[in-house]
Amino acid sequence: MREIKFRAKQSKYHDWIYGYYLGIRFGHHSFWDIDKEYAVEIDPESLGQYIGWKDQTGKEIFGGDILGYPFDSPVVIEWDNNRCGFRAFDPKDKTYSLAIPMQVGDRGQAKVISDTYSNPELIPKI
């Protein structure tokens, strides 16, 4: 069973924080920072859930991450409501990959190169 956790950028300092999304409280998106053990305000556009896989360097992969090799062009990890799961979306070809585990798993070659929040220019315009 995969660990359920999230990451987001804190609104005030713009640092990545890890923990759990609490929802909208007092008109702001709240997030429980597991390192500091208190709630902080986040930018909701930066919120991403851990998909349960790591890249070739051991880095955890979250929704919104941009993955490089072995893909022909960078792909974005997105939640797919139709399939109820995370998939790799290729914005250049506007297609989804069905095989995240084969490419990202223990013997995978994929590597997190950035995320859509920090470097949106890495993703071709749709």
C-alpha atoms as a PDB file:
ATOM      1  CA  MET A   1       0.000   0.000   0.000  1.00  0.00           C
ATOM      2  CA  ARG A   2       1.396   3.417  -0.919  1.00  0.00           C
ATOM      3  CA  GLU A   3       1.927   6.188   1.562  1.00  0.00           C
ATOM      4  CA  ILE A   4      -0.599   9.023   1.273  1.00  0.00           C
ATOM      5  CA  LYS A   5       1.084  12.415   1.493  1.00  0.00           C
ATOM      6  CA  PHE A   6       1.227  15.701  -0.335  1.00  0.00           C
ATOM      7  CA  ARG A   7       3.560  18.569  -1.066  1.00  0.00           C
ATOM      8  CA  ALA A   8       2.826  22.213  -1.764  1.00  0.00           C
ATOM      9  CA  LYS A   9       4.507  25.596  -1.831  1.00  0.00           C
ATOM     10  CA  GLN A  10       3.937  27.682   1.255  1.00  0.00           C
ATOM     11  CA  SER A  11       2.289  30.981   0.280  1.00  0.00           C
ATOM     12  CA  LYS A  12       4.463  33.156   2.494  1.00  0.00           C
ATOM     13  CA  TYR A  13       7.955  31.778   1.784  1.00  0.00           C
ATOM     14  CA  HIS A  14       7.405  29.785  -1.441  1.00  0.00           C
ATOM     15  CA  ASP A  15       9.298  26.805  -0.016  1.00  0.00           C
ATOM     16  CA  TRP A  16       8.201  23.232  -0.711  1.00  0.00           C
ATOM     17  CA  ILE A  17       6.591  21.683   2.344  1.00  0.00           C
ATOM     18  CA  TYR A  18       5.406  18.115   2.850  1.00  0.00           C
ATOM     19  CA  GLY A  19       2.395  16.890   4.748  1.00  0.00           C
ATOM     20  CA  TYR A  20      -1.382  16.776   4.383  1.00  0.00           C
ATOM     21  CA  TYR A  21      -3.959  19.024   2.759  1.00  0.00           C
ATOM     22  CA  LEU A  22      -6.531  20.246   5.285  1.00  0.00           C
ATOM     23  CA  GLY A  23      -8.878  22.054   2.918  1.00  0.00           C
ATOM     24  CA  ILE A  24     -10.106  25.629   2.942  1.00  0.00           C
ATOM     25  CA  ARG A  25     -10.040  27.154   6.408  1.00  0.00           C
ATOM     26  CA  PHE A  26     -10.743  30.808   7.133  1.00  0.00           C
ATOM     27  CA  GLY A  27     -10.771  31.534   3.401  1.00  0.00           C
ATOM     28  CA  HIS A  28      -7.309  30.069   2.745  1.00  0.00           C
ATOM     29  CA  HIS A  29      -6.014  26.693   1.588  1.00  0.00           C
ATOM     30  CA  SER A  30      -4.503  25.054   4.670  1.00  0.00           C
ATOM     31  CA  PHE A  31      -1.830  22.396   4.813  1.00  0.00           C
ATOM     32  CA  TRP A  32      -0.332  20.475   7.744  1.00  0.00           C
ATOM     33  CA  ASP A  33       3.461  20.741   7.594  1.00  0.00           C
ATOM     34  CA  ILE A  34       4.751  17.400   8.961  1.00  0.00           C
ATOM     35  CA  ASP A  35       8.214  18.817   9.683  1.00  0.00           C
ATOM     36  CA  LYS A  36       7.105  21.847  11.680  1.00  0.00           C
ATOM     37  CA  GLU A  37       3.883  20.224  12.965  1.00  0.00           C
ATOM     38  CA  TYR A  38       1.531  23.124  12.346  1.00  0.00           C
ATOM     39  CA  ALA A  39      -0.856  24.358   9.650  1.00  0.00           C
ATOM     40  CA  VAL A  40       0.283  26.836   7.003  1.00  0.00           C
ATOM     41  CA  GLU A  41      -1.324  28.592   4.057  1.00  0.00           C
ATOM     42  CA  ILE A  42      -0.375  27.204   0.631  1.00  0.00           C
ATOM     43  CA  ASP A  43      -0.737  28.104  -3.009  1.00  0.00           C
ATOM     44  CA  PRO A  44      -3.374  25.545  -4.150  1.00  0.00           C
ATOM     45  CA  GLU A  45      -1.929  25.469  -7.689  1.00  0.00           C
ATOM     46  CA  SER A  46       1.243  23.881  -6.299  1.00  0.00           C
ATOM     47  CA  LEU A  47      -0.496  21.035  -4.438  1.00  0.00           C
ATOM     48  CA  GLY A  48       0.582  17.549  -5.560  1.00  0.00           C
ATOM     49  CA  GLN A  49       0.010  14.059  -4.168  1.00  0.00           C
ATOM     50  CA  TYR A  50       2.757  11.436  -3.856  1.00  0.00           C
ATOM     51  CA  ILE A  51       2.075   8.723  -6.433  1.00  0.00           C
ATOM     52  CA  GLY A  52       3.817   5.939  -4.527  1.00  0.00           C
ATOM     53  CA  TRP A  53       6.823   5.689  -6.857  1.00  0.00           C
ATOM     54  CA  LYS A  54      10.364   7.042  -6.898  1.00  0.00           C
ATOM     55  CA  ASP A  55      12.535   8.009  -9.828  1.00  0.00           C
ATOM     56  CA  GLN A  56      15.916   6.492 -10.739  1.00  0.00           C
ATOM     57  CA  THR A  57      17.646   8.640  -8.092  1.00  0.00           C
ATOM     58  CA  GLY A  58      15.226   7.685  -5.313  1.00  0.00           C
ATOM     59  CA  LYS A  59      13.328  10.987  -5.410  1.00  0.00           C
ATOM     60  CA  GLU A  60       9.609  10.694  -4.630  1.00  0.00           C
ATOM     61  CA  ILE A  61       7.318  11.502  -7.557  1.00  0.00           C
ATOM     62  CA  PHE A  62       4.321  13.784  -7.013  1.00  0.00           C
ATOM     63  CA  GLY A  63       1.435  14.904  -9.177  1.00  0.00           C
ATOM     64  CA  GLY A  64       2.643  17.875 -11.202  1.00  0.00           C
ATOM     65  CA  ASP A  65       6.189  16.556 -11.550  1.00  0.00           C
ATOM     66  CA  ILE A  66       7.853  16.660 -14.959  1.00  0.00           C
ATOM     67  CA  LEU A  67       9.673  13.443 -15.862  1.00  0.00           C
ATOM     68  CA  GLY A  68      12.430  13.015 -18.417  1.00  0.00           C
ATOM     69  CA  TYR A  69      14.068   9.940 -19.993  1.00  0.00           C
ATOM     70  CA  PRO A  70      12.952   7.315 -21.130  1.00  0.00           C
ATOM     71  CA  PHE A  71      10.116   9.378 -22.577  1.00  0.00           C
ATOM     72  CA  ASP A  72      10.512  10.940 -26.033  1.00  0.00           C
ATOM     73  CA  SER A  73       9.605  14.337 -24.588  1.00  0.00           C
ATOM     74  CA  PRO A  74       9.001  15.447 -20.999  1.00  0.00           C
ATOM     75  CA  VAL A  75       5.776  14.159 -19.464  1.00  0.00           C
ATOM     76  CA  VAL A  76       3.688  15.494 -16.592  1.00  0.00           C
ATOM     77  CA  ILE A  77       2.331  13.290 -13.834  1.00  0.00           C
ATOM     78  CA  GLU A  78      -1.402  13.998 -13.569  1.00  0.00           C
ATOM     79  CA  TRP A  79      -4.425  12.515 -11.863  1.00  0.00           C
ATOM     80  CA  ASP A  80      -6.811  10.960 -14.396  1.00  0.00           C
ATOM     81  CA  ASN A  81     -10.400  10.934 -13.114  1.00  0.00           C
ATOM     82  CA  ASN A  82     -11.505   8.544 -15.867  1.00  0.00           C
ATOM     83  CA  ARG A  83      -8.972   5.894 -14.809  1.00  0.00           C
ATOM     84  CA  CYS A  84      -8.920   6.829 -11.091  1.00  0.00           C
ATOM     85  CA  GLY A  85      -5.158   6.932 -11.012  1.00  0.00           C
ATOM     86  CA  PHE A  86      -1.998   8.818 -11.856  1.00  0.00           C
ATOM     87  CA  ARG A  87      -0.758   8.773 -15.415  1.00  0.00           C
ATOM     88  CA  ALA A  88       2.031  10.337 -17.429  1.00  0.00           C
ATOM     89  CA  PHE A  89       0.625  12.967 -19.788  1.00  0.00           C
ATOM     90  CA  ASP A  90       2.626  14.050 -22.835  1.00  0.00           C
ATOM     91  CA  PRO A  91       1.470  17.627 -23.562  1.00  0.00           C
ATOM     92  CA  LYS A  92       3.285  17.653 -26.912  1.00  0.00           C
ATOM     93  CA  ASP A  93       1.332  14.692 -28.305  1.00  0.00           C
ATOM     94  CA  LYS A  94      -1.677  15.186 -25.978  1.00  0.00           C
ATOM     95  CA  THR A  95      -1.535  11.502 -25.045  1.00  0.00           C
ATOM     96  CA  TYR A  96      -1.390   9.507 -21.820  1.00  0.00           C
ATOM     97  CA  SER A  97       1.020   6.714 -21.014  1.00  0.00           C
ATOM     98  CA  LEU A  98      -0.532   3.590 -19.532  1.00  0.00           C
ATOM     99  CA  ALA A  99       2.705   2.264 -18.076  1.00  0.00           C
ATOM    100  CA  ILE A 100       3.946   4.503 -15.266  1.00  0.00           C
ATOM    101  CA  PRO A 101       5.004   1.528 -13.085  1.00  0.00           C
ATOM    102  CA  MET A 102       7.106  -0.023 -15.846  1.00  0.00           C
ATOM    103  CA  GLN A 103       8.932   3.250 -16.501  1.00  0.00           C
ATOM    104  CA  VAL A 104       9.150   4.629 -12.980  1.00  0.00           C
ATOM    105  CA  GLY A 105       9.347   1.536 -10.781  1.00  0.00           C
ATOM    106  CA  ASP A 106      12.340  -0.144  -9.181  1.00  0.00           C
ATOM    107  CA  ARG A 107      14.060  -0.790 -12.512  1.00  0.00           C
ATOM    108  CA  GLY A 108      12.747   2.369 -14.180  1.00  0.00           C
ATOM    109  CA  GLN A 109      14.752   4.922 -16.056  1.00  0.00           C
ATOM    110  CA  ALA A 110      12.562   7.996 -15.480  1.00  0.00           C
ATOM    111  CA  LYS A 111      13.929  10.988 -13.632  1.00  0.00           C
ATOM    112  CA  VAL A 112      12.155  13.977 -12.086  1.00  0.00           C
ATOM    113  CA  ILE A 113      13.529  17.010 -13.911  1.00  0.00           C
ATOM    114  CA  SER A 114      11.244  19.646 -12.389  1.00  0.00           C
ATOM    115  CA  ASP A 115       7.588  20.380 -11.699  1.00  0.00           C
ATOM    116  CA  THR A 116       4.876  22.324 -13.496  1.00  0.00           C
ATOM    117  CA  TYR A 117       4.671  24.918 -10.737  1.00  0.00           C
ATOM    118  CA  SER A 118       8.351  25.884 -10.632  1.00  0.00           C
ATOM    119  CA  ASN A 119       9.148  25.502 -14.349  1.00  0.00           C
ATOM    120  CA  PRO A 120       6.010  25.630 -16.523  1.00  0.00           C
ATOM    121  CA  GLU A 121       8.159  26.664 -19.508  1.00  0.00           C
ATOM    122  CA  LEU A 122       9.491  23.078 -19.720  1.00  0.00           C
ATOM    123  CA  ILE A 123       6.094  21.863 -20.868  1.00  0.00           C
ATOM    124  CA  PRO A 124       5.078  22.522 -24.480  1.00  0.00           C
ATOM    125  CA  LYS A 125       1.961  24.674 -24.768  1.00  0.00           C
ATOM    126  CA  ILE A 126      -1.223  22.744 -25.442  1.00  0.00           C
END
